Amino acid sequence: MAKIFIFDEFNPEDNAMLQALYSRSASSVVDHVEKVRKCGSGNK
């Protein structure tokens, strides 16, 4: 069964980072979402 995830909390830069991470890895999108939440495109 396919799962659909909707995340509307990310700014365009974070969304691009999430897409780039997901497209280059076999890891779950949920793992990448946690990474973007933690690091984000502008967080240090």
N, C-alpha and C. Protein backbone atom coordinates (compact mmCIF):
# COMPACT_ATOMS: atom_id res chain seq x y z
N MET A 1 0.83 -1.16 0.00
CA MET A 1 0.00 0.00 0.00
C MET A 1 0.90 1.25 0.00
N ALA A 2 0.55 2.21 -0.83
CA ALA A 2 1.30 3.45 -0.91
C ALA A 2 0.91 4.38 0.23
N LYS A 3 1.88 5.13 0.72
CA LYS A 3 1.62 6.13 1.76
C LYS A 3 1.87 7.50 1.17
N ILE A 4 1.05 8.44 1.57
CA ILE A 4 1.19 9.82 1.12
C ILE A 4 1.46 10.68 2.34
N PHE A 5 2.52 11.46 2.28
CA PHE A 5 2.89 12.36 3.35
C PHE A 5 2.73 13.79 2.87
N ILE A 6 2.13 14.63 3.69
CA ILE A 6 1.98 16.04 3.37
C ILE A 6 2.62 16.84 4.51
N PHE A 7 3.63 17.61 4.16
CA PHE A 7 4.31 18.47 5.12
C PHE A 7 4.20 19.90 4.61
N ASP A 8 3.49 20.74 5.34
CA ASP A 8 3.33 22.13 4.90
C ASP A 8 4.08 23.12 5.79
N GLU A 9 4.99 22.60 6.59
CA GLU A 9 5.70 23.45 7.55
C GLU A 9 7.02 24.01 7.01
N PHE A 10 7.45 23.55 5.85
CA PHE A 10 8.78 23.90 5.36
C PHE A 10 8.74 25.09 4.41
N ASN A 11 9.76 25.93 4.52
CA ASN A 11 9.90 27.02 3.57
C ASN A 11 10.46 26.44 2.26
N PRO A 12 10.48 27.21 1.19
CA PRO A 12 10.93 26.67 -0.10
C PRO A 12 12.35 26.08 -0.07
N GLU A 13 13.25 26.70 0.69
CA GLU A 13 14.62 26.19 0.76
C GLU A 13 14.68 24.84 1.47
N ASP A 14 13.93 24.71 2.56
CA ASP A 14 13.88 23.43 3.27
C ASP A 14 13.21 22.36 2.42
N ASN A 15 12.18 22.73 1.69
CA ASN A 15 11.51 21.78 0.80
C ASN A 15 12.47 21.29 -0.28
N ALA A 16 13.26 22.18 -0.83
CA ALA A 16 14.25 21.79 -1.84
C ALA A 16 15.30 20.86 -1.23
N MET A 17 15.73 21.17 0.00
CA MET A 17 16.70 20.31 0.69
C MET A 17 16.11 18.92 0.91
N LEU A 18 14.86 18.86 1.34
CA LEU A 18 14.19 17.58 1.56
C LEU A 18 14.11 16.77 0.27
N GLN A 19 13.75 17.40 -0.81
CA GLN A 19 13.65 16.71 -2.10
C GLN A 19 15.01 16.22 -2.57
N ALA A 20 16.04 17.03 -2.36
CA ALA A 20 17.39 16.62 -2.77
C ALA A 20 17.87 15.43 -1.95
N LEU A 21 17.64 15.46 -0.65
CA LEU A 21 18.04 14.34 0.21
C LEU A 21 17.31 13.07 -0.20
N TYR A 22 16.02 13.18 -0.42
CA TYR A 22 15.20 12.00 -0.74
C TYR A 22 15.57 11.42 -2.10
N SER A 23 15.87 12.27 -3.06
CA SER A 23 16.17 11.78 -4.41
C SER A 23 17.52 11.08 -4.48
N ARG A 24 18.39 11.30 -3.49
CA ARG A 24 19.74 10.74 -3.52
C ARG A 24 19.95 9.61 -2.52
N SER A 25 18.87 9.13 -1.90
CA SER A 25 19.02 8.14 -0.86
C SER A 25 17.84 7.16 -0.87
N ALA A 26 18.10 5.96 -0.42
CA ALA A 26 17.04 4.96 -0.31
C ALA A 26 16.35 5.04 1.05
N SER A 27 16.78 5.93 1.91
CA SER A 27 16.16 6.08 3.23
C SER A 27 14.73 6.59 3.11
N SER A 28 13.98 6.37 4.15
CA SER A 28 12.59 6.81 4.19
C SER A 28 12.50 8.34 4.18
N VAL A 29 11.45 8.84 3.58
CA VAL A 29 11.23 10.28 3.57
C VAL A 29 11.06 10.79 5.00
N VAL A 30 10.53 9.95 5.89
CA VAL A 30 10.37 10.35 7.29
C VAL A 30 11.72 10.63 7.94
N ASP A 31 12.74 9.82 7.61
CA ASP A 31 14.09 10.07 8.12
C ASP A 31 14.62 11.42 7.65
N HIS A 32 14.38 11.72 6.39
CA HIS A 32 14.86 12.99 5.82
C HIS A 32 14.10 14.18 6.40
N VAL A 33 12.81 14.01 6.66
CA VAL A 33 12.04 15.09 7.28
C VAL A 33 12.61 15.43 8.65
N GLU A 34 12.95 14.42 9.42
CA GLU A 34 13.54 14.67 10.74
C GLU A 34 14.87 15.41 10.62
N LYS A 35 15.67 15.04 9.62
CA LYS A 35 16.95 15.71 9.42
C LYS A 35 16.74 17.19 9.04
N VAL A 36 15.78 17.45 8.16
CA VAL A 36 15.51 18.84 7.76
C VAL A 36 14.94 19.62 8.93
N ARG A 37 14.09 19.00 9.73
CA ARG A 37 13.57 19.68 10.92
C ARG A 37 14.69 20.05 11.88
N LYS A 38 15.65 19.15 12.01
CA LYS A 38 16.77 19.40 12.94
C LYS A 38 17.75 20.42 12.37
N CYS A 39 18.17 20.22 11.14
CA CYS A 39 19.22 21.06 10.54
C CYS A 39 18.64 22.22 9.74
N GLY A 40 17.67 21.93 8.90
CA GLY A 40 17.07 22.95 8.05
C GLY A 40 18.09 23.59 7.13
N SER A 41 17.60 24.32 6.19
CA SER A 41 18.49 24.98 5.23
C SER A 41 19.16 26.20 5.84
N GLY A 42 18.55 26.81 6.84
CA GLY A 42 19.12 28.01 7.42
C GLY A 42 19.53 27.88 8.87
N ASN A 43 19.27 26.73 9.48
CA ASN A 43 19.63 26.52 10.88
C ASN A 43 21.09 26.11 11.00
N LYS A 44 21.73 26.57 12.02
CA LYS A 44 23.14 26.20 12.27
C LYS A 44 23.24 25.36 13.50
